[in-house]
N, C-alpha and C. Protein backbone atom coordinates (compact mmCIF):
# COMPACT_ATOMS: atom_id res chain seq x y z
N MET A 1 34.20 45.43 16.78
CA MET A 1 33.92 44.58 17.90
C MET A 1 35.25 44.15 18.50
N TYR A 2 35.24 44.00 19.83
CA TYR A 2 36.44 43.52 20.48
C TYR A 2 36.14 42.25 21.28
N LEU A 3 37.20 41.47 21.47
CA LEU A 3 37.18 40.32 22.36
C LEU A 3 38.29 40.51 23.38
N LEU A 4 38.06 40.05 24.57
CA LEU A 4 39.09 40.13 25.61
C LEU A 4 39.82 38.79 25.65
N PRO A 5 41.16 38.78 25.47
CA PRO A 5 41.90 37.52 25.47
C PRO A 5 41.75 36.76 26.80
N PRO A 6 41.97 35.44 26.76
CA PRO A 6 41.72 34.60 27.95
C PRO A 6 42.41 35.05 29.23
N LYS A 7 43.69 35.40 29.16
CA LYS A 7 44.39 35.81 30.39
C LYS A 7 43.75 37.06 31.01
N ALA A 8 43.49 38.06 30.17
CA ALA A 8 42.85 39.29 30.65
C ALA A 8 41.42 39.00 31.12
N ALA A 9 40.72 38.08 30.44
CA ALA A 9 39.37 37.72 30.85
C ALA A 9 39.39 37.06 32.22
N ASN A 10 40.37 36.19 32.46
CA ASN A 10 40.49 35.56 33.77
C ASN A 10 40.79 36.58 34.86
N ASN A 11 41.66 37.55 34.57
CA ASN A 11 41.97 38.60 35.53
C ASN A 11 40.73 39.43 35.84
N LEU A 12 39.96 39.74 34.80
CA LEU A 12 38.73 40.51 34.99
C LEU A 12 37.75 39.70 35.83
N SER A 13 37.63 38.42 35.53
CA SER A 13 36.70 37.56 36.27
C SER A 13 37.08 37.48 37.74
N ASP A 14 38.38 37.39 38.02
CA ASP A 14 38.85 37.31 39.41
C ASP A 14 38.49 38.56 40.20
N ASP A 15 38.51 39.72 39.55
CA ASP A 15 38.26 41.00 40.23
C ASP A 15 36.91 41.61 39.88
N PHE A 16 36.01 40.83 39.28
CA PHE A 16 34.78 41.41 38.75
C PHE A 16 33.93 42.09 39.82
N LYS A 17 33.88 41.54 41.02
CA LYS A 17 33.08 42.15 42.09
C LYS A 17 33.52 43.58 42.37
N LEU A 18 34.80 43.85 42.17
CA LEU A 18 35.30 45.21 42.40
C LEU A 18 34.77 46.20 41.37
N HIS A 19 34.40 45.70 40.19
CA HIS A 19 34.00 46.58 39.10
C HIS A 19 32.52 46.45 38.72
N ALA A 20 31.81 45.57 39.37
CA ALA A 20 30.42 45.28 38.99
C ALA A 20 29.48 46.46 39.22
N GLN A 21 29.82 47.36 40.08
CA GLN A 21 28.92 48.48 40.39
C GLN A 21 29.06 49.63 39.40
N GLY A 22 30.09 49.60 38.57
CA GLY A 22 30.31 50.68 37.61
C GLY A 22 29.43 50.53 36.39
N ASN A 23 29.75 51.28 35.35
CA ASN A 23 29.00 51.18 34.10
C ASN A 23 29.91 50.62 33.02
N SER A 24 29.38 50.44 31.82
CA SER A 24 30.15 49.81 30.75
C SER A 24 31.35 50.67 30.34
N GLU A 25 31.25 51.99 30.43
CA GLU A 25 32.38 52.86 30.08
C GLU A 25 33.52 52.67 31.06
N LYS A 26 33.21 52.58 32.34
CA LYS A 26 34.27 52.37 33.34
C LYS A 26 34.91 51.01 33.15
N LEU A 27 34.10 50.02 32.83
CA LEU A 27 34.63 48.69 32.60
C LEU A 27 35.53 48.67 31.36
N PHE A 28 35.11 49.34 30.30
CA PHE A 28 35.94 49.40 29.09
C PHE A 28 37.26 50.11 29.38
N ASP A 29 37.21 51.20 30.14
CA ASP A 29 38.45 51.90 30.49
C ASP A 29 39.43 50.97 31.20
N LEU A 30 38.90 50.05 31.97
CA LEU A 30 39.73 49.11 32.71
C LEU A 30 40.41 48.09 31.79
N ILE A 31 39.73 47.68 30.72
CA ILE A 31 40.25 46.60 29.87
C ILE A 31 40.76 47.07 28.50
N LYS A 32 40.62 48.36 28.18
CA LYS A 32 40.87 48.84 26.81
C LYS A 32 42.28 48.52 26.29
N ASN A 33 43.26 48.41 27.15
CA ASN A 33 44.62 48.11 26.69
C ASN A 33 44.81 46.62 26.39
N ASP A 34 43.86 45.79 26.79
CA ASP A 34 43.98 44.34 26.61
C ASP A 34 43.08 43.78 25.52
N VAL A 35 42.13 44.56 25.03
CA VAL A 35 41.17 44.00 24.07
C VAL A 35 41.81 43.78 22.70
N ASN A 36 41.30 42.78 21.99
CA ASN A 36 41.68 42.53 20.60
C ASN A 36 40.52 42.97 19.72
N TRP A 37 40.78 43.94 18.85
CA TRP A 37 39.75 44.41 17.93
C TRP A 37 39.67 43.44 16.75
N ILE A 38 38.48 43.00 16.42
CA ILE A 38 38.26 42.03 15.36
C ILE A 38 37.72 42.76 14.13
N LYS A 39 38.37 42.55 13.00
CA LYS A 39 37.86 43.11 11.74
C LYS A 39 37.07 42.02 11.04
N ILE A 40 35.84 42.31 10.76
CA ILE A 40 34.97 41.37 10.06
C ILE A 40 34.58 42.02 8.74
N ASN A 41 35.05 41.44 7.66
CA ASN A 41 34.78 42.01 6.34
C ASN A 41 33.38 41.65 5.86
N TYR A 42 32.91 42.40 4.88
CA TYR A 42 31.61 42.15 4.27
C TYR A 42 31.53 40.69 3.84
N GLY A 43 30.44 40.03 4.22
CA GLY A 43 30.23 38.63 3.84
C GLY A 43 30.81 37.63 4.83
N GLU A 44 31.58 38.09 5.80
CA GLU A 44 32.15 37.21 6.81
C GLU A 44 31.27 37.18 8.05
N VAL A 45 31.42 36.14 8.84
CA VAL A 45 30.69 36.05 10.11
C VAL A 45 31.68 35.69 11.21
N LEU A 46 31.34 36.00 12.41
CA LEU A 46 32.12 35.63 13.58
C LEU A 46 31.20 34.85 14.51
N ILE A 47 31.60 33.65 14.85
CA ILE A 47 30.84 32.84 15.79
C ILE A 47 31.71 32.65 17.03
N PHE A 48 31.16 32.97 18.18
CA PHE A 48 31.93 32.85 19.42
C PHE A 48 30.99 32.60 20.58
N ASN A 49 31.55 32.18 21.68
CA ASN A 49 30.79 31.96 22.90
C ASN A 49 30.48 33.32 23.53
N GLN A 50 29.21 33.64 23.67
CA GLN A 50 28.83 34.97 24.18
C GLN A 50 29.20 35.17 25.64
N ALA A 51 29.60 34.10 26.34
CA ALA A 51 30.07 34.26 27.72
C ALA A 51 31.49 34.85 27.74
N TYR A 52 32.15 34.81 26.59
CA TYR A 52 33.47 35.38 26.46
C TYR A 52 33.35 36.91 26.47
N PRO A 53 34.13 37.64 27.29
CA PRO A 53 33.99 39.10 27.34
C PRO A 53 34.19 39.73 25.97
N HIS A 54 33.21 40.53 25.55
CA HIS A 54 33.22 41.16 24.24
C HIS A 54 32.42 42.44 24.28
N GLY A 55 32.54 43.23 23.22
CA GLY A 55 31.76 44.46 23.17
C GLY A 55 32.10 45.27 21.93
N ASN A 56 31.62 46.50 21.92
CA ASN A 56 31.87 47.40 20.81
C ASN A 56 31.83 48.82 21.33
N ARG A 57 32.11 49.75 20.50
CA ARG A 57 32.10 51.17 20.87
C ARG A 57 31.08 51.89 20.00
N ILE A 58 30.77 53.11 20.37
CA ILE A 58 29.85 53.93 19.57
C ILE A 58 30.48 54.17 18.20
N ASN A 59 29.69 53.99 17.17
CA ASN A 59 30.17 54.16 15.80
C ASN A 59 30.27 55.65 15.47
N LYS A 60 31.48 56.14 15.31
CA LYS A 60 31.70 57.55 14.94
C LYS A 60 32.20 57.66 13.51
N GLU A 61 32.09 56.55 12.76
CA GLU A 61 32.51 56.55 11.35
C GLU A 61 31.38 57.07 10.48
N ASN A 62 31.66 57.32 9.22
CA ASN A 62 30.64 57.79 8.29
C ASN A 62 29.82 56.65 7.71
N GLU A 63 30.26 55.41 7.91
CA GLU A 63 29.54 54.24 7.39
C GLU A 63 28.76 53.57 8.51
N THR A 64 27.62 53.03 8.13
CA THR A 64 26.79 52.31 9.08
C THR A 64 27.32 50.89 9.24
N ARG A 65 27.31 50.39 10.46
CA ARG A 65 27.68 49.00 10.72
C ARG A 65 26.42 48.25 11.11
N TRP A 66 26.32 47.02 10.64
CA TRP A 66 25.19 46.16 10.97
C TRP A 66 25.72 44.92 11.67
N SER A 67 24.93 44.41 12.60
CA SER A 67 25.28 43.13 13.21
C SER A 67 23.99 42.35 13.42
N MET A 68 24.13 41.05 13.44
CA MET A 68 23.00 40.18 13.72
C MET A 68 23.41 39.29 14.88
N ASN A 69 22.56 39.20 15.85
CA ASN A 69 22.86 38.45 17.06
C ASN A 69 21.98 37.21 17.09
N CYS A 70 22.57 36.05 16.94
CA CYS A 70 21.83 34.78 17.03
C CYS A 70 22.30 34.05 18.28
N ARG A 71 21.37 33.74 19.14
CA ARG A 71 21.71 33.01 20.37
C ARG A 71 20.88 31.76 20.45
N PHE A 72 21.49 30.71 20.92
CA PHE A 72 20.78 29.45 21.09
C PHE A 72 20.56 29.24 22.58
N LYS A 73 19.29 29.12 22.95
CA LYS A 73 18.91 28.97 24.35
C LYS A 73 17.94 27.82 24.48
N GLY A 74 17.88 27.28 25.69
CA GLY A 74 16.87 26.28 25.96
C GLY A 74 15.50 26.94 26.01
N LEU A 75 14.48 26.17 25.70
CA LEU A 75 13.11 26.70 25.67
C LEU A 75 12.67 27.24 27.02
N PHE A 76 13.15 26.64 28.10
CA PHE A 76 12.70 27.04 29.43
C PHE A 76 13.72 27.88 30.19
N THR A 77 14.70 28.44 29.50
CA THR A 77 15.66 29.31 30.17
C THR A 77 15.08 30.71 30.31
N PRO A 78 15.51 31.44 31.34
CA PRO A 78 14.97 32.79 31.53
C PRO A 78 15.34 33.71 30.36
N TYR A 79 14.46 34.61 30.01
CA TYR A 79 14.68 35.53 28.90
C TYR A 79 15.19 36.89 29.35
N LYS A 80 15.14 37.16 30.62
CA LYS A 80 15.47 38.49 31.14
C LYS A 80 14.61 39.53 30.42
N ASP A 81 15.07 40.78 30.39
CA ASP A 81 14.27 41.81 29.72
C ASP A 81 14.71 41.92 28.26
N LYS A 82 13.74 42.12 27.40
CA LYS A 82 14.01 42.27 25.99
C LYS A 82 13.67 43.71 25.59
N LYS A 83 14.38 44.20 24.63
CA LYS A 83 14.14 45.55 24.13
C LYS A 83 13.31 45.49 22.84
N ILE A 84 12.87 46.63 22.36
CA ILE A 84 12.10 46.69 21.13
C ILE A 84 12.90 46.04 20.00
N GLY A 85 12.24 45.15 19.26
CA GLY A 85 12.90 44.48 18.15
C GLY A 85 13.62 43.21 18.52
N GLU A 86 13.72 42.90 19.79
CA GLU A 86 14.37 41.67 20.22
C GLU A 86 13.31 40.61 20.48
N PHE A 87 13.60 39.40 20.09
CA PHE A 87 12.68 38.31 20.35
C PHE A 87 13.44 36.99 20.36
N PHE A 88 12.81 35.97 20.90
CA PHE A 88 13.37 34.63 20.89
C PHE A 88 12.34 33.72 20.25
N GLU A 89 12.79 32.90 19.35
CA GLU A 89 11.90 31.97 18.66
C GLU A 89 12.52 30.59 18.70
N PRO A 90 11.82 29.59 19.24
CA PRO A 90 12.41 28.25 19.28
C PRO A 90 12.59 27.70 17.87
N ILE A 91 13.75 27.10 17.62
CA ILE A 91 13.99 26.51 16.31
C ILE A 91 13.83 25.00 16.34
N THR A 92 13.98 24.40 17.51
CA THR A 92 13.82 22.95 17.64
C THR A 92 13.18 22.66 18.99
N LEU A 93 12.13 21.91 18.97
CA LEU A 93 11.47 21.51 20.21
C LEU A 93 11.91 20.08 20.52
N ARG A 94 12.71 19.89 21.54
CA ARG A 94 13.24 18.58 21.90
C ARG A 94 12.17 17.72 22.58
N PRO A 95 12.30 16.40 22.49
CA PRO A 95 11.32 15.49 23.13
C PRO A 95 11.12 15.76 24.61
N VAL A 96 12.20 16.06 25.33
CA VAL A 96 12.05 16.31 26.76
C VAL A 96 11.21 17.57 27.01
N SER A 97 11.31 18.56 26.11
CA SER A 97 10.49 19.77 26.25
C SER A 97 9.02 19.44 26.02
N LYS A 98 8.75 18.55 25.06
CA LYS A 98 7.36 18.14 24.82
C LYS A 98 6.78 17.44 26.04
N VAL A 99 7.58 16.59 26.67
CA VAL A 99 7.12 15.91 27.90
C VAL A 99 6.84 16.95 28.98
N ALA A 100 7.77 17.90 29.15
CA ALA A 100 7.59 18.92 30.18
C ALA A 100 6.36 19.77 29.92
N MET A 101 6.11 20.10 28.65
CA MET A 101 4.96 20.94 28.31
C MET A 101 3.63 20.21 28.52
N SER A 102 3.64 18.89 28.44
CA SER A 102 2.39 18.14 28.61
C SER A 102 2.17 17.71 30.05
N TYR A 103 3.10 18.02 30.94
CA TYR A 103 2.97 17.62 32.34
C TYR A 103 1.79 18.32 32.99
N LYS A 104 1.00 17.57 33.70
CA LYS A 104 -0.15 18.11 34.44
C LYS A 104 0.15 18.01 35.93
N LEU A 105 0.01 19.11 36.60
CA LEU A 105 0.22 19.10 38.05
C LEU A 105 -0.84 18.22 38.70
N PRO A 106 -0.47 17.48 39.75
CA PRO A 106 -1.48 16.66 40.42
C PRO A 106 -2.52 17.56 41.10
N SER A 107 -3.75 17.09 41.14
CA SER A 107 -4.78 17.87 41.82
C SER A 107 -4.61 17.70 43.32
N LEU A 108 -4.92 18.75 44.02
CA LEU A 108 -4.81 18.71 45.48
C LEU A 108 -6.13 18.22 46.05
N TYR A 109 -6.06 17.31 46.95
CA TYR A 109 -7.26 16.79 47.57
C TYR A 109 -6.97 16.58 49.05
N LYS A 110 -8.02 16.50 49.83
CA LYS A 110 -7.89 16.31 51.26
C LYS A 110 -7.75 14.81 51.53
N SER A 111 -6.68 14.46 52.19
CA SER A 111 -6.41 13.06 52.49
C SER A 111 -7.42 12.54 53.51
N THR A 112 -7.77 11.26 53.40
CA THR A 112 -8.69 10.67 54.38
C THR A 112 -8.02 10.55 55.75
N TYR A 113 -6.70 10.70 55.76
CA TYR A 113 -5.98 10.62 57.05
C TYR A 113 -5.91 11.97 57.76
N GLU A 114 -6.30 13.04 57.05
CA GLU A 114 -6.27 14.36 57.68
C GLU A 114 -7.53 14.55 58.50
N LYS A 115 -7.43 15.25 59.59
CA LYS A 115 -8.60 15.50 60.44
C LYS A 115 -9.09 16.89 60.26
């Protein structure tokens, strides 16, 4: 897995519109000289902000690599498209979410002032 250092990430962010139409391979070619490859040993974990530019390459080694992706999201945030095996499960239901879930829309009625 790689992370893009802050200075290079800022440069990429400044010019992102120029590269947004390409694919991930073209984007990697653009940043490959600036990425920091992270070695994570067996039993270790890496926790980072997923908004930070990061990625990986196709595994061409003889050993299988495993990763687990845990993301914390609000209950009412958009999920976008999910692939097979991906799911989101709420771990904590906050009081404000309970209030929002119990909200009833007002019924529509014809006002006595309408003609």
